[in-house]
Each structure stands twice: as C-alpha cells, then as structure tokens.
Amino acid sequence: MSICPKNKSSKARRDSRRANWKMTAPALVKCSHCGELMMPHRVCKACGYYDKKSIVEVQ
C-alpha cells in the first residue's frame, strides 16, 4: 500500500478544494448589562456579567 497519489491532482481541483478555507469574522452581540460588544454565550470581559447576573468581579 502506497501513500503517494496514483495520479496528479490538477491545480483547479486542488484550489477548488481549498476554496472553503476563508476566515470568518467572529459573531458579536451587545452585553445586556454594559452594552459592550462580546462573543455570545460568554461572560462579558468588560463588566463580568452573563445572563444579567454578576459572574466575575472586574477591577
């Protein structure tokens, strides 16, 4: 059994396979407490709140 490919893959086939590698911007929502942009379903880094409850003390 060989690891090497049997036939050469063309540039078009190779590049079309890599066409879905693009970066996406992270989804951001406003914090319900302070209004700062944050990632959804995570504690806000600015105020330490999640789901209108204080989770982490922030200086």
N, C-alpha and C. Protein backbone atom coordinates (compact mmCIF):
# COMPACT_ATOMS: atom_id res chain seq x y z
N MET A 1 0.84 -1.18 0.00
CA MET A 1 0.00 0.00 0.00
C MET A 1 0.89 1.24 0.00
N SER A 2 0.57 2.17 -0.86
CA SER A 2 1.40 3.35 -1.04
C SER A 2 0.69 4.60 -0.54
N ILE A 3 1.47 5.52 0.02
CA ILE A 3 0.91 6.79 0.48
C ILE A 3 0.85 7.79 -0.67
N CYS A 4 1.70 7.63 -1.66
CA CYS A 4 1.76 8.55 -2.78
C CYS A 4 0.50 8.45 -3.63
N PRO A 5 0.02 9.61 -4.17
CA PRO A 5 -1.16 9.56 -5.03
C PRO A 5 -0.86 8.86 -6.35
N LYS A 6 -1.86 8.15 -6.88
CA LYS A 6 -1.69 7.45 -8.15
C LYS A 6 -1.52 8.44 -9.30
N ASN A 7 -2.38 9.49 -9.31
CA ASN A 7 -2.34 10.46 -10.40
C ASN A 7 -2.18 11.86 -9.83
N LYS A 8 -1.70 12.78 -10.67
CA LYS A 8 -1.52 14.16 -10.26
C LYS A 8 -2.88 14.85 -10.14
N SER A 9 -3.05 15.62 -9.06
CA SER A 9 -4.26 16.44 -8.91
C SER A 9 -4.01 17.75 -9.62
N SER A 10 -4.95 18.18 -10.43
CA SER A 10 -4.79 19.43 -11.17
C SER A 10 -4.87 20.62 -10.22
N LYS A 11 -4.36 21.76 -10.69
CA LYS A 11 -4.40 22.98 -9.87
C LYS A 11 -5.84 23.40 -9.61
N ALA A 12 -6.71 23.23 -10.58
CA ALA A 12 -8.12 23.61 -10.40
C ALA A 12 -8.78 22.75 -9.33
N ARG A 13 -8.52 21.47 -9.31
CA ARG A 13 -9.10 20.58 -8.30
C ARG A 13 -8.54 20.90 -6.91
N ARG A 14 -7.23 21.14 -6.87
CA ARG A 14 -6.59 21.50 -5.60
C ARG A 14 -7.14 22.81 -5.05
N ASP A 15 -7.22 23.83 -5.92
CA ASP A 15 -7.66 25.15 -5.47
C ASP A 15 -9.15 25.17 -5.13
N SER A 16 -9.96 24.39 -5.84
CA SER A 16 -11.39 24.36 -5.52
C SER A 16 -11.63 23.64 -4.19
N ARG A 17 -10.76 22.72 -3.84
CA ARG A 17 -10.86 22.06 -2.54
C ARG A 17 -10.52 23.04 -1.42
N ARG A 18 -9.60 23.96 -1.68
CA ARG A 18 -9.18 24.95 -0.68
C ARG A 18 -10.04 26.20 -0.68
N ALA A 19 -11.07 26.26 -1.51
CA ALA A 19 -11.88 27.47 -1.64
C ALA A 19 -12.68 27.77 -0.38
N ASN A 20 -12.91 26.79 0.49
CA ASN A 20 -13.72 26.99 1.69
C ASN A 20 -12.88 27.26 2.93
N TRP A 21 -11.60 27.60 2.78
CA TRP A 21 -10.72 27.84 3.91
C TRP A 21 -10.79 29.27 4.43
N LYS A 22 -11.70 30.09 3.91
CA LYS A 22 -11.68 31.50 4.22
C LYS A 22 -12.01 31.76 5.70
N MET A 23 -11.48 32.87 6.19
CA MET A 23 -11.72 33.27 7.58
C MET A 23 -13.09 33.92 7.67
N THR A 24 -13.72 33.79 8.85
CA THR A 24 -14.98 34.45 9.09
C THR A 24 -14.83 35.36 10.31
N ALA A 25 -15.52 36.47 10.30
CA ALA A 25 -15.47 37.39 11.43
C ALA A 25 -16.23 36.78 12.60
N PRO A 26 -15.75 36.97 13.84
CA PRO A 26 -16.46 36.40 14.97
C PRO A 26 -17.81 37.08 15.18
N ALA A 27 -18.80 36.29 15.60
CA ALA A 27 -20.12 36.84 15.88
C ALA A 27 -20.05 37.62 17.19
N LEU A 28 -20.55 38.86 17.17
CA LEU A 28 -20.51 39.70 18.35
C LEU A 28 -21.92 40.18 18.68
N VAL A 29 -22.24 40.24 19.96
CA VAL A 29 -23.53 40.75 20.43
C VAL A 29 -23.25 41.79 21.51
N LYS A 30 -24.25 42.62 21.80
CA LYS A 30 -24.09 43.63 22.85
C LYS A 30 -24.37 43.00 24.20
N CYS A 31 -23.57 43.35 25.19
CA CYS A 31 -23.77 42.88 26.56
C CYS A 31 -25.08 43.47 27.08
N SER A 32 -25.88 42.65 27.75
CA SER A 32 -27.17 43.13 28.26
C SER A 32 -27.00 44.07 29.44
N HIS A 33 -25.81 44.08 30.06
CA HIS A 33 -25.59 44.93 31.23
C HIS A 33 -24.90 46.24 30.88
N CYS A 34 -23.77 46.16 30.15
CA CYS A 34 -22.99 47.38 29.88
C CYS A 34 -23.05 47.83 28.42
N GLY A 35 -23.54 46.98 27.51
CA GLY A 35 -23.64 47.37 26.11
C GLY A 35 -22.37 47.17 25.31
N GLU A 36 -21.32 46.64 25.93
CA GLU A 36 -20.06 46.37 25.24
C GLU A 36 -20.23 45.18 24.30
N LEU A 37 -19.51 45.18 23.17
CA LEU A 37 -19.56 44.04 22.26
C LEU A 37 -18.83 42.86 22.87
N MET A 38 -19.44 41.66 22.77
CA MET A 38 -18.85 40.46 23.34
C MET A 38 -19.28 39.26 22.51
N MET A 39 -18.60 38.14 22.67
CA MET A 39 -18.99 36.92 21.97
C MET A 39 -20.20 36.32 22.69
N PRO A 40 -21.17 35.76 21.94
CA PRO A 40 -22.37 35.24 22.59
C PRO A 40 -22.08 34.03 23.47
N HIS A 41 -22.88 33.87 24.51
CA HIS A 41 -22.80 32.74 25.46
C HIS A 41 -21.47 32.71 26.21
N ARG A 42 -20.92 33.91 26.50
CA ARG A 42 -19.69 34.00 27.27
C ARG A 42 -19.82 35.16 28.25
N VAL A 43 -19.02 35.12 29.30
CA VAL A 43 -19.01 36.21 30.27
C VAL A 43 -18.41 37.45 29.62
N CYS A 44 -19.02 38.59 29.87
CA CYS A 44 -18.52 39.86 29.31
C CYS A 44 -17.19 40.19 29.97
N LYS A 45 -16.18 40.51 29.16
CA LYS A 45 -14.86 40.85 29.70
C LYS A 45 -14.85 42.25 30.30
N ALA A 46 -15.77 43.11 29.89
CA ALA A 46 -15.77 44.48 30.38
C ALA A 46 -16.39 44.59 31.77
N CYS A 47 -17.52 43.89 32.00
CA CYS A 47 -18.21 44.06 33.28
C CYS A 47 -18.33 42.77 34.10
N GLY A 48 -18.08 41.60 33.49
CA GLY A 48 -18.13 40.34 34.22
C GLY A 48 -19.52 39.76 34.38
N TYR A 49 -20.48 40.25 33.61
CA TYR A 49 -21.85 39.76 33.71
C TYR A 49 -22.14 38.72 32.64
N TYR A 50 -23.04 37.79 32.95
CA TYR A 50 -23.56 36.84 31.98
C TYR A 50 -25.01 36.58 32.34
N ASP A 51 -25.91 36.71 31.39
CA ASP A 51 -27.33 36.47 31.58
C ASP A 51 -27.88 37.34 32.73
N LYS A 52 -27.48 38.62 32.73
CA LYS A 52 -27.91 39.62 33.71
C LYS A 52 -27.53 39.26 35.14
N LYS A 53 -26.49 38.42 35.31
CA LYS A 53 -26.00 38.06 36.65
C LYS A 53 -24.51 38.34 36.70
N SER A 54 -24.03 38.83 37.85
CA SER A 54 -22.60 39.07 38.03
C SER A 54 -21.90 37.74 38.28
N ILE A 55 -20.97 37.39 37.39
CA ILE A 55 -20.26 36.12 37.47
C ILE A 55 -18.83 36.33 37.96
N VAL A 56 -18.16 37.34 37.41
CA VAL A 56 -16.75 37.59 37.71
C VAL A 56 -16.61 39.03 38.17
N GLU A 57 -15.81 39.25 39.20
CA GLU A 57 -15.50 40.60 39.64
C GLU A 57 -14.42 41.19 38.73
N VAL A 58 -14.70 42.37 38.17
CA VAL A 58 -13.75 43.03 37.27
C VAL A 58 -13.29 44.31 37.94
N GLN A 59 -11.96 44.54 37.90
CA GLN A 59 -11.42 45.76 38.50
C GLN A 59 -11.65 46.94 37.58
